[in-house]
Amino acid sequence: MVTIIAALTNFGQSLAAIGMSLLYSVLAVFQAAFALVQSTIESILKLGQSITTLVLELFQGVFGFVFANFAAILVIGGVYYLYTLRQQGKGPKMLQKKKL
């Protein structure tokens, strides 16, 4: 009788161990799926951040170039405007030609 009870106890413990192993396996699959989704979302966010940084740096360079050219055009245009006023004798007194 003792051997039958010991065998049934051992069998029950084995079934419980198998059940726990299956439960841990299912939990490990869910954990792996969750980690996959988490890393995918993290990668997508990092990709978006990289694209945003690229666009901002690109536009910063383009806008800096455009602004520098615009400023150069304003300076050259201002100098030309003052030069034409001087040639016509209509500019400020310090820019007017001295008459001999």
PDB file of N, CA and C in Angstrom:
ATOM      1  N   MET A   1       0.818  -1.196   0.000  1.00  0.00           N
ATOM      2  CA  MET A   1       0.000   0.000   0.000  1.00  0.00           C
ATOM      3  C   MET A   1       0.864   1.263   0.000  1.00  0.00           C
ATOM      4  N   VAL A   2       1.948   1.182   0.725  1.00  0.00           N
ATOM      5  CA  VAL A   2       2.816   2.333   0.834  1.00  0.00           C
ATOM      6  C   VAL A   2       3.407   2.664  -0.537  1.00  0.00           C
ATOM      7  N   THR A   3       3.703   1.687  -1.303  1.00  0.00           N
ATOM      8  CA  THR A   3       4.291   1.944  -2.603  1.00  0.00           C
ATOM      9  C   THR A   3       3.276   2.545  -3.566  1.00  0.00           C
ATOM     10  N   ILE A   4       1.996   2.155  -3.439  1.00  0.00           N
ATOM     11  CA  ILE A   4       0.964   2.727  -4.305  1.00  0.00           C
ATOM     12  C   ILE A   4       0.760   4.205  -3.951  1.00  0.00           C
ATOM     13  N   ILE A   5       0.705   4.519  -2.667  1.00  0.00           N
ATOM     14  CA  ILE A   5       0.524   5.914  -2.234  1.00  0.00           C
ATOM     15  C   ILE A   5       1.745   6.746  -2.652  1.00  0.00           C
ATOM     16  N   ALA A   6       2.912   6.205  -2.502  1.00  0.00           N
ATOM     17  CA  ALA A   6       4.127   6.916  -2.890  1.00  0.00           C
ATOM     18  C   ALA A   6       4.155   7.128  -4.396  1.00  0.00           C
ATOM     19  N   ALA A   7       3.713   6.116  -5.145  1.00  0.00           N
ATOM     20  CA  ALA A   7       3.688   6.235  -6.597  1.00  0.00           C
ATOM     21  C   ALA A   7       2.660   7.274  -7.035  1.00  0.00           C
ATOM     22  N   LEU A   8       1.473   7.271  -6.408  1.00  0.00           N
ATOM     23  CA  LEU A   8       0.443   8.268  -6.743  1.00  0.00           C
ATOM     24  C   LEU A   8       0.893   9.669  -6.343  1.00  0.00           C
ATOM     25  N   THR A   9       1.561   9.800  -5.217  1.00  0.00           N
ATOM     26  CA  THR A   9       2.082  11.096  -4.784  1.00  0.00           C
ATOM     27  C   THR A   9       3.136  11.581  -5.770  1.00  0.00           C
ATOM     28  N   ASN A  10       4.015  10.707  -6.146  1.00  0.00           N
ATOM     29  CA  ASN A  10       5.048  11.056  -7.121  1.00  0.00           C
ATOM     30  C   ASN A  10       4.416  11.432  -8.455  1.00  0.00           C
ATOM     31  N   PHE A  11       3.379  10.692  -8.873  1.00  0.00           N
ATOM     32  CA  PHE A  11       2.665  10.991 -10.119  1.00  0.00           C
ATOM     33  C   PHE A  11       1.990  12.368 -10.039  1.00  0.00           C
ATOM     34  N   GLY A  12       1.360  12.669  -8.911  1.00  0.00           N
ATOM     35  CA  GLY A  12       0.717  13.966  -8.715  1.00  0.00           C
ATOM     36  C   GLY A  12       1.724  15.110  -8.746  1.00  0.00           C
ATOM     37  N   GLN A  13       2.858  14.892  -8.113  1.00  0.00           N
ATOM     38  CA  GLN A  13       3.902  15.913  -8.126  1.00  0.00           C
ATOM     39  C   GLN A  13       4.447  16.120  -9.545  1.00  0.00           C
ATOM     40  N   SER A  14       4.552  15.032 -10.273  1.00  0.00           N
ATOM     41  CA  SER A  14       5.021  15.145 -11.661  1.00  0.00           C
ATOM     42  C   SER A  14       4.015  15.908 -12.510  1.00  0.00           C
ATOM     43  N   LEU A  15       2.711  15.614 -12.320  1.00  0.00           N
ATOM     44  CA  LEU A  15       1.672  16.353 -13.064  1.00  0.00           C
ATOM     45  C   LEU A  15       1.692  17.833 -12.688  1.00  0.00           C
ATOM     46  N   ALA A  16       1.866  18.140 -11.416  1.00  0.00           N
ATOM     47  CA  ALA A  16       1.932  19.536 -10.971  1.00  0.00           C
ATOM     48  C   ALA A  16       3.156  20.224 -11.565  1.00  0.00           C
ATOM     49  N   ALA A  17       4.277  19.524 -11.616  1.00  0.00           N
ATOM     50  CA  ALA A  17       5.491  20.096 -12.205  1.00  0.00           C
ATOM     51  C   ALA A  17       5.307  20.337 -13.705  1.00  0.00           C
ATOM     52  N   ILE A  18       4.631  19.406 -14.391  1.00  0.00           N
ATOM     53  CA  ILE A  18       4.356  19.589 -15.818  1.00  0.00           C
ATOM     54  C   ILE A  18       3.424  20.780 -16.026  1.00  0.00           C
ATOM     55  N   GLY A  19       2.391  20.869 -15.180  1.00  0.00           N
ATOM     56  CA  GLY A  19       1.452  22.003 -15.276  1.00  0.00           C
ATOM     57  C   GLY A  19       2.149  23.332 -15.033  1.00  0.00           C
ATOM     58  N   MET A  20       3.026  23.363 -14.027  1.00  0.00           N
ATOM     59  CA  MET A  20       3.756  24.600 -13.741  1.00  0.00           C
ATOM     60  C   MET A  20       4.707  24.942 -14.891  1.00  0.00           C
ATOM     61  N   SER A  21       5.339  23.935 -15.469  1.00  0.00           N
ATOM     62  CA  SER A  21       6.230  24.174 -16.608  1.00  0.00           C
ATOM     63  C   SER A  21       5.452  24.721 -17.798  1.00  0.00           C
ATOM     64  N   LEU A  22       4.261  24.163 -18.049  1.00  0.00           N
ATOM     65  CA  LEU A  22       3.424  24.680 -19.141  1.00  0.00           C
ATOM     66  C   LEU A  22       2.994  26.120 -18.862  1.00  0.00           C
ATOM     67  N   LEU A  23       2.625  26.399 -17.615  1.00  0.00           N
ATOM     68  CA  LEU A  23       2.233  27.764 -17.257  1.00  0.00           C
ATOM     69  C   LEU A  23       3.396  28.729 -17.449  1.00  0.00           C
ATOM     70  N   TYR A  24       4.592  28.335 -16.996  1.00  0.00           N
ATOM     71  CA  TYR A  24       5.764  29.183 -17.178  1.00  0.00           C
ATOM     72  C   TYR A  24       6.090  29.364 -18.663  1.00  0.00           C
ATOM     73  N   SER A  25       5.886  28.335 -19.457  1.00  0.00           N
ATOM     74  CA  SER A  25       6.124  28.440 -20.896  1.00  0.00           C
ATOM     75  C   SER A  25       5.160  29.420 -21.538  1.00  0.00           C
ATOM     76  N   VAL A  26       3.884  29.337 -21.161  1.00  0.00           N
ATOM     77  CA  VAL A  26       2.888  30.266 -21.707  1.00  0.00           C
ATOM     78  C   VAL A  26       3.215  31.693 -21.281  1.00  0.00           C
ATOM     79  N   LEU A  27       3.602  31.870 -20.022  1.00  0.00           N
ATOM     80  CA  LEU A  27       3.977  33.207 -19.554  1.00  0.00           C
ATOM     81  C   LEU A  27       5.221  33.711 -20.273  1.00  0.00           C
ATOM     82  N   ALA A  28       6.166  32.828 -20.551  1.00  0.00           N
ATOM     83  CA  ALA A  28       7.374  33.223 -21.278  1.00  0.00           C
ATOM     84  C   ALA A  28       7.032  33.645 -22.706  1.00  0.00           C
ATOM     85  N   VAL A  29       6.064  32.965 -23.337  1.00  0.00           N
ATOM     86  CA  VAL A  29       5.647  33.348 -24.689  1.00  0.00           C
ATOM     87  C   VAL A  29       4.998  34.734 -24.657  1.00  0.00           C
ATOM     88  N   PHE A  30       4.141  34.976 -23.662  1.00  0.00           N
ATOM     89  CA  PHE A  30       3.519  36.300 -23.546  1.00  0.00           C
ATOM     90  C   PHE A  30       4.568  37.378 -23.261  1.00  0.00           C
ATOM     91  N   GLN A  31       5.538  37.043 -22.417  1.00  0.00           N
ATOM     92  CA  GLN A  31       6.605  38.001 -22.114  1.00  0.00           C
ATOM     93  C   GLN A  31       7.428  38.305 -23.364  1.00  0.00           C
ATOM     94  N   ALA A  32       7.705  37.280 -24.166  1.00  0.00           N
ATOM     95  CA  ALA A  32       8.465  37.486 -25.399  1.00  0.00           C
ATOM     96  C   ALA A  32       7.667  38.336 -26.384  1.00  0.00           C
ATOM     97  N   ALA A  33       6.358  38.068 -26.491  1.00  0.00           N
ATOM     98  CA  ALA A  33       5.522  38.867 -27.383  1.00  0.00           C
ATOM     99  C   ALA A  33       5.470  40.316 -26.910  1.00  0.00           C
ATOM    100  N   PHE A  34       5.347  40.514 -25.610  1.00  0.00           N
ATOM    101  CA  PHE A  34       5.326  41.871 -25.058  1.00  0.00           C
ATOM    102  C   PHE A  34       6.655  42.579 -25.312  1.00  0.00           C
ATOM    103  N   ALA A  35       7.769  41.865 -25.138  1.00  0.00           N
ATOM    104  CA  ALA A  35       9.083  42.457 -25.392  1.00  0.00           C
ATOM    105  C   ALA A  35       9.245  42.800 -26.868  1.00  0.00           C
ATOM    106  N   LEU A  36       8.708  41.962 -27.753  1.00  0.00           N
ATOM    107  CA  LEU A  36       8.768  42.245 -29.185  1.00  0.00           C
ATOM    108  C   LEU A  36       7.993  43.517 -29.518  1.00  0.00           C
ATOM    109  N   VAL A  37       6.781  43.632 -28.984  1.00  0.00           N
ATOM    110  CA  VAL A  37       5.967  44.830 -29.237  1.00  0.00           C
ATOM    111  C   VAL A  37       6.654  46.060 -28.650  1.00  0.00           C
ATOM    112  N   GLN A  38       7.195  45.928 -27.453  1.00  0.00           N
ATOM    113  CA  GLN A  38       7.866  47.053 -26.804  1.00  0.00           C
ATOM    114  C   GLN A  38       9.080  47.504 -27.602  1.00  0.00           C
ATOM    115  N   SER A  39       9.899  46.560 -28.045  1.00  0.00           N
ATOM    116  CA  SER A  39      11.092  46.945 -28.802  1.00  0.00           C
ATOM    117  C   SER A  39      10.718  47.499 -30.178  1.00  0.00           C
ATOM    118  N   THR A  40       9.637  46.991 -30.771  1.00  0.00           N
ATOM    119  CA  THR A  40       9.184  47.522 -32.057  1.00  0.00           C
ATOM    120  C   THR A  40       8.719  48.968 -31.913  1.00  0.00           C
ATOM    121  N   ILE A  41       7.930  49.237 -30.898  1.00  0.00           N
ATOM    122  CA  ILE A  41       7.454  50.611 -30.656  1.00  0.00           C
ATOM    123  C   ILE A  41       8.635  51.530 -30.347  1.00  0.00           C
ATOM    124  N   GLU A  42       9.564  51.035 -29.542  1.00  0.00           N
ATOM    125  CA  GLU A  42      10.753  51.836 -29.217  1.00  0.00           C
ATOM    126  C   GLU A  42      11.564  52.146 -30.473  1.00  0.00           C
ATOM    127  N   SER A  43      11.707  51.166 -31.347  1.00  0.00           N
ATOM    128  CA  SER A  43      12.458  51.387 -32.592  1.00  0.00           C
ATOM    129  C   SER A  43      11.743  52.377 -33.499  1.00  0.00           C
ATOM    130  N   ILE A  44      10.427  52.278 -33.575  1.00  0.00           N
ATOM    131  CA  ILE A  44       9.659  53.221 -34.401  1.00  0.00           C
ATOM    132  C   ILE A  44       9.801  54.638 -33.866  1.00  0.00           C
ATOM    133  N   LEU A  45       9.745  54.785 -32.541  1.00  0.00           N
ATOM    134  CA  LEU A  45       9.908  56.118 -31.946  1.00  0.00           C
ATOM    135  C   LEU A  45      11.317  56.671 -32.184  1.00  0.00           C
ATOM    136  N   LYS A  46      12.330  55.810 -32.079  1.00  0.00           N
ATOM    137  CA  LYS A  46      13.698  56.267 -32.346  1.00  0.00           C
ATOM    138  C   LYS A  46      13.866  56.639 -33.811  1.00  0.00           C
ATOM    139  N   LEU A  47      13.221  55.896 -34.707  1.00  0.00           N
ATOM    140  CA  LEU A  47      13.275  56.234 -36.128  1.00  0.00           C
ATOM    141  C   LEU A  47      12.619  57.584 -36.376  1.00  0.00           C
ATOM    142  N   GLY A  48      11.466  57.827 -35.761  1.00  0.00           N
ATOM    143  CA  GLY A  48      10.806  59.120 -35.896  1.00  0.00           C
ATOM    144  C   GLY A  48      11.655  60.249 -35.343  1.00  0.00           C
ATOM    145  N   GLN A  49      12.315  59.995 -34.227  1.00  0.00           N
ATOM    146  CA  GLN A  49      13.193  61.009 -33.648  1.00  0.00           C
ATOM    147  C   GLN A  49      14.369  61.293 -34.573  1.00  0.00           C
ATOM    148  N   SER A  50      14.925  60.249 -35.173  1.00  0.00           N
ATOM    149  CA  SER A  50      16.048  60.440 -36.097  1.00  0.00           C
ATOM    150  C   SER A  50      15.618  61.209 -37.342  1.00  0.00           C
ATOM    151  N   ILE A  51      14.447  60.888 -37.861  1.00  0.00           N
ATOM    152  CA  ILE A  51      13.941  61.601 -39.041  1.00  0.00           C
ATOM    153  C   ILE A  51      13.673  63.059 -38.697  1.00  0.00           C
ATOM    154  N   THR A  52      13.097  63.299 -37.526  1.00  0.00           N
ATOM    155  CA  THR A  52      12.834  64.677 -37.095  1.00  0.00           C
ATOM    156  C   THR A  52      14.139  65.455 -36.947  1.00  0.00           C
ATOM    157  N   THR A  53      15.143  64.843 -36.351  1.00  0.00           N
ATOM    158  CA  THR A  53      16.446  65.497 -36.201  1.00  0.00           C
ATOM    159  C   THR A  53      17.060  65.790 -37.565  1.00  0.00           C
ATOM    160  N   LEU A  54      16.969  64.834 -38.476  1.00  0.00           N
ATOM    161  CA  LEU A  54      17.501  65.030 -39.824  1.00  0.00           C
ATOM    162  C   LEU A  54      16.815  66.195 -40.519  1.00  0.00           C
ATOM    163  N   VAL A  55      15.490  66.238 -40.454  1.00  0.00           N
ATOM    164  CA  VAL A  55      14.738  67.308 -41.119  1.00  0.00           C
ATOM    165  C   VAL A  55      15.073  68.664 -40.504  1.00  0.00           C
ATOM    166  N   LEU A  56      15.147  68.718 -39.167  1.00  0.00           N
ATOM    167  CA  LEU A  56      15.460  69.992 -38.513  1.00  0.00           C
ATOM    168  C   LEU A  56      16.868  70.469 -38.859  1.00  0.00           C
ATOM    169  N   GLU A  57      17.826  69.553 -38.885  1.00  0.00           N
ATOM    170  CA  GLU A  57      19.183  69.955 -39.238  1.00  0.00           C
ATOM    171  C   GLU A  57      19.270  70.364 -40.698  1.00  0.00           C
ATOM    172  N   LEU A  58      18.545  69.664 -41.550  1.00  0.00           N
ATOM    173  CA  LEU A  58      18.540  70.019 -42.966  1.00  0.00           C
ATOM    174  C   LEU A  58      17.920  71.388 -43.174  1.00  0.00           C
ATOM    175  N   PHE A  59      16.758  71.624 -42.547  1.00  0.00           N
ATOM    176  CA  PHE A  59      16.120  72.927 -42.699  1.00  0.00           C
ATOM    177  C   PHE A  59      16.926  74.021 -42.034  1.00  0.00           C
ATOM    178  N   GLN A  60      17.612  73.696 -40.951  1.00  0.00           N
ATOM    179  CA  GLN A  60      18.455  74.703 -40.313  1.00  0.00           C
ATOM    180  C   GLN A  60      19.537  75.135 -41.288  1.00  0.00           C
ATOM    181  N   GLY A  61      20.124  74.205 -41.981  1.00  0.00           N
ATOM    182  CA  GLY A  61      21.140  74.545 -42.970  1.00  0.00           C
ATOM    183  C   GLY A  61      20.555  75.314 -44.129  1.00  0.00           C
ATOM    184  N   VAL A  62      19.397  74.877 -44.617  1.00  0.00           N
ATOM    185  CA  VAL A  62      18.755  75.559 -45.743  1.00  0.00           C
ATOM    186  C   VAL A  62      18.306  76.954 -45.331  1.00  0.00           C
ATOM    187  N   PHE A  63      17.653  77.063 -44.169  1.00  0.00           N
ATOM    188  CA  PHE A  63      17.189  78.374 -43.721  1.00  0.00           C
ATOM    189  C   PHE A  63      18.363  79.293 -43.418  1.00  0.00           C
ATOM    190  N   GLY A  64      19.428  78.757 -42.862  1.00  0.00           N
ATOM    191  CA  GLY A  64      20.611  79.572 -42.622  1.00  0.00           C
ATOM    192  C   GLY A  64      21.197  80.098 -43.918  1.00  0.00           C
ATOM    193  N   PHE A  65      21.246  79.239 -44.929  1.00  0.00           N
ATOM    194  CA  PHE A  65      21.743  79.640 -46.244  1.00  0.00           C
ATOM    195  C   PHE A  65      20.847  80.716 -46.861  1.00  0.00           C
ATOM    196  N   VAL A  66      19.538  80.499 -46.815  1.00  0.00           N
ATOM    197  CA  VAL A  66      18.591  81.475 -47.379  1.00  0.00           C
ATOM    198  C   VAL A  66      18.679  82.794 -46.624  1.00  0.00           C
ATOM    199  N   PHE A  67      18.747  82.747 -45.295  1.00  0.00           N
ATOM    200  CA  PHE A  67      18.826  83.969 -44.507  1.00  0.00           C
ATOM    201  C   PHE A  67      20.106  84.738 -44.809  1.00  0.00           C
ATOM    202  N   ALA A  68      21.221  84.019 -44.936  1.00  0.00           N
ATOM    203  CA  ALA A  68      22.495  84.693 -45.244  1.00  0.00           C
ATOM    204  C   ALA A  68      22.429  85.363 -46.605  1.00  0.00           C
ATOM    205  N   ASN A  69      21.847  84.696 -47.592  1.00  0.00           N
ATOM    206  CA  ASN A  69      21.712  85.300 -48.914  1.00  0.00           C
ATOM    207  C   ASN A  69      20.759  86.493 -48.887  1.00  0.00           C
ATOM    208  N   PHE A  70      19.675  86.371 -48.142  1.00  0.00           N
ATOM    209  CA  PHE A  70      18.726  87.473 -48.020  1.00  0.00           C
ATOM    210  C   PHE A  70      19.398  88.689 -47.369  1.00  0.00           C
ATOM    211  N   ALA A  71      20.189  88.438 -46.322  1.00  0.00           N
ATOM    212  CA  ALA A  71      20.890  89.539 -45.666  1.00  0.00           C
ATOM    213  C   ALA A  71      21.903  90.176 -46.616  1.00  0.00           C
ATOM    214  N   ALA A  72      22.609  89.361 -47.388  1.00  0.00           N
ATOM    215  CA  ALA A  72      23.576  89.905 -48.352  1.00  0.00           C
ATOM    216  C   ALA A  72      22.870  90.747 -49.405  1.00  0.00           C
ATOM    217  N   ILE A  73      21.723  90.279 -49.883  1.00  0.00           N
ATOM    218  CA  ILE A  73      20.955  91.049 -50.875  1.00  0.00           C
ATOM    219  C   ILE A  73      20.500  92.378 -50.275  1.00  0.00           C
ATOM    220  N   LEU A  74      20.063  92.370 -49.014  1.00  0.00           N
ATOM    221  CA  LEU A  74      19.639  93.624 -48.366  1.00  0.00           C
ATOM    222  C   LEU A  74      20.808  94.607 -48.231  1.00  0.00           C
ATOM    223  N   VAL A  75      21.962  94.101 -47.840  1.00  0.00           N
ATOM    224  CA  VAL A  75      23.124  94.986 -47.681  1.00  0.00           C
ATOM    225  C   VAL A  75      23.536  95.551 -49.039  1.00  0.00           C
ATOM    226  N   ILE A  76      23.647  94.701 -50.047  1.00  0.00           N
ATOM    227  CA  ILE A  76      24.050  95.168 -51.381  1.00  0.00           C
ATOM    228  C   ILE A  76      23.003  96.126 -51.947  1.00  0.00           C
ATOM    229  N   GLY A  77      21.727  95.809 -51.747  1.00  0.00           N
ATOM    230  CA  GLY A  77      20.657  96.700 -52.223  1.00  0.00           C
ATOM    231  C   GLY A  77      20.679  98.042 -51.516  1.00  0.00           C
ATOM    232  N   GLY A  78      20.938  98.014 -50.194  1.00  0.00           N
ATOM    233  CA  GLY A  78      21.022  99.269 -49.443  1.00  0.00           C
ATOM    234  C   GLY A  78      22.183 100.131 -49.900  1.00  0.00           C
ATOM    235  N   VAL A  79      23.335  99.505 -50.120  1.00  0.00           N
ATOM    236  CA  VAL A  79      24.497 100.254 -50.615  1.00  0.00           C
ATOM    237  C   VAL A  79      24.202 100.830 -51.997  1.00  0.00           C
ATOM    238  N   TYR A  80      23.583 100.042 -52.865  1.00  0.00           N
ATOM    239  CA  TYR A  80      23.253 100.537 -54.211  1.00  0.00           C
ATOM    240  C   TYR A  80      22.251 101.689 -54.137  1.00  0.00           C
ATOM    241  N   TYR A  81      21.261 101.568 -53.247  1.00  0.00           N
ATOM    242  CA  TYR A  81      20.268 102.636 -53.092  1.00  0.00           C
ATOM    243  C   TYR A  81      20.938 103.929 -52.630  1.00  0.00           C
ATOM    244  N   LEU A  82      21.819 103.822 -51.629  1.00  0.00           N
ATOM    245  CA  LEU A  82      22.519 105.014 -51.165  1.00  0.00           C
ATOM    246  C   LEU A  82      23.436 105.584 -52.253  1.00  0.00           C
ATOM    247  N   TYR A  83      24.056 104.724 -53.045  1.00  0.00           N
ATOM    248  CA  TYR A  83      24.918 105.173 -54.146  1.00  0.00           C
ATOM    249  C   TYR A  83      24.105 105.938 -55.194  1.00  0.00           C
ATOM    250  N   THR A  84      22.929 105.424 -55.539  1.00  0.00           N
ATOM    251  CA  THR A  84      22.107 106.122 -56.540  1.00  0.00           C
ATOM    252  C   THR A  84      21.600 107.449 -55.989  1.00  0.00           C
ATOM    253  N   LEU A  85      21.276 107.479 -54.697  1.00  0.00           N
ATOM    254  CA  LEU A  85      20.869 108.762 -54.106  1.00  0.00           C
ATOM    255  C   LEU A  85      22.024 109.752 -54.156  1.00  0.00           C
ATOM    256  N   ARG A  86      23.208 109.302 -53.902  1.00  0.00           N
ATOM    257  CA  ARG A  86      24.371 110.175 -53.942  1.00  0.00           C
ATOM    258  C   ARG A  86      24.608 110.695 -55.355  1.00  0.00           C
ATOM    259  N   GLN A  87      24.459 109.831 -56.344  1.00  0.00           N
ATOM    260  CA  GLN A  87      24.667 110.252 -57.727  1.00  0.00           C
ATOM    261  C   GLN A  87      23.628 111.276 -58.160  1.00  0.00           C
ATOM    262  N   GLN A  88      22.421 111.170 -57.630  1.00  0.00           N
ATOM    263  CA  GLN A  88      21.361 112.110 -57.988  1.00  0.00           C
ATOM    264  C   GLN A  88      21.414 113.369 -57.134  1.00  0.00           C
ATOM    265  N   GLY A  89      22.188 113.362 -56.084  1.00  0.00           N
ATOM    266  CA  GLY A  89      22.293 114.533 -55.219  1.00  0.00           C
ATOM    267  C   GLY A  89      21.137 114.660 -54.254  1.00  0.00           C
ATOM    268  N   LYS A  90      20.383 113.577 -54.029  1.00  0.00           N
ATOM    269  CA  LYS A  90      19.216 113.635 -53.146  1.00  0.00           C
ATOM    270  C   LYS A  90      19.455 112.981 -51.788  1.00  0.00           C
ATOM    271  N   GLY A  91      20.607 112.405 -51.572  1.00  0.00           N
ATOM    272  CA  GLY A  91      20.874 111.669 -50.343  1.00  0.00           C
ATOM    273  C   GLY A  91      21.180 112.588 -49.183  1.00  0.00           C
ATOM    274  N   PRO A  92      21.505 112.020 -48.043  1.00  0.00           N
ATOM    275  CA  PRO A  92      21.915 112.833 -46.898  1.00  0.00           C
ATOM    276  C   PRO A  92      23.140 113.662 -47.244  1.00  0.00           C
ATOM    277  N   LYS A  93      23.334 114.755 -46.523  1.00  0.00           N
ATOM    278  CA  LYS A  93      24.406 115.695 -46.851  1.00  0.00           C
ATOM    279  C   LYS A  93      25.780 115.039 -46.812  1.00  0.00           C
ATOM    280  N   MET A  94      25.987 114.122 -45.938  1.00  0.00           N
ATOM    281  CA  MET A  94      27.315 113.504 -45.868  1.00  0.00           C
ATOM    282  C   MET A  94      27.568 112.581 -47.049  1.00  0.00           C
ATOM    283  N   LEU A  95      26.488 112.138 -47.751  1.00  0.00           N
ATOM    284  CA  LEU A  95      26.677 111.283 -48.915  1.00  0.00           C
ATOM    285  C   LEU A  95      26.715 112.058 -50.233  1.00  0.00           C
ATOM    286  N   GLN A  96      26.322 113.327 -50.192  1.00  0.00           N
ATOM    287  CA  GLN A  96      26.267 114.092 -51.438  1.00  0.00           C
ATOM    288  C   GLN A  96      27.678 114.398 -51.948  1.00  0.00           C
ATOM    289  N   LYS A  97      27.772 114.522 -53.258  1.00  0.00           N
ATOM    290  CA  LYS A  97      29.052 114.871 -53.873  1.00  0.00           C
ATOM    291  C   LYS A  97      29.423 116.282 -53.473  1.00  0.00           C
ATOM    292  N   LYS A  98      30.693 116.473 -53.267  1.00  0.00           N
ATOM    293  CA  LYS A  98      31.176 117.827 -52.980  1.00  0.00           C
ATOM    294  C   LYS A  98      31.375 118.545 -54.306  1.00  0.00           C
ATOM    295  N   LYS A  99      30.841 119.705 -54.377  1.00  0.00           N
ATOM    296  CA  LYS A  99      30.960 120.477 -55.614  1.00  0.00           C
ATOM    297  C   LYS A  99      32.232 121.311 -55.543  1.00  0.00           C
ATOM    298  N   LEU A 100      32.988 121.260 -56.596  1.00  0.00           N
ATOM    299  CA  LEU A 100      34.239 122.001 -56.648  1.00  0.00           C
ATOM    300  C   LEU A 100      34.056 123.370 -57.159  1.00  0.00           C
TER     301      LEU A 100
END
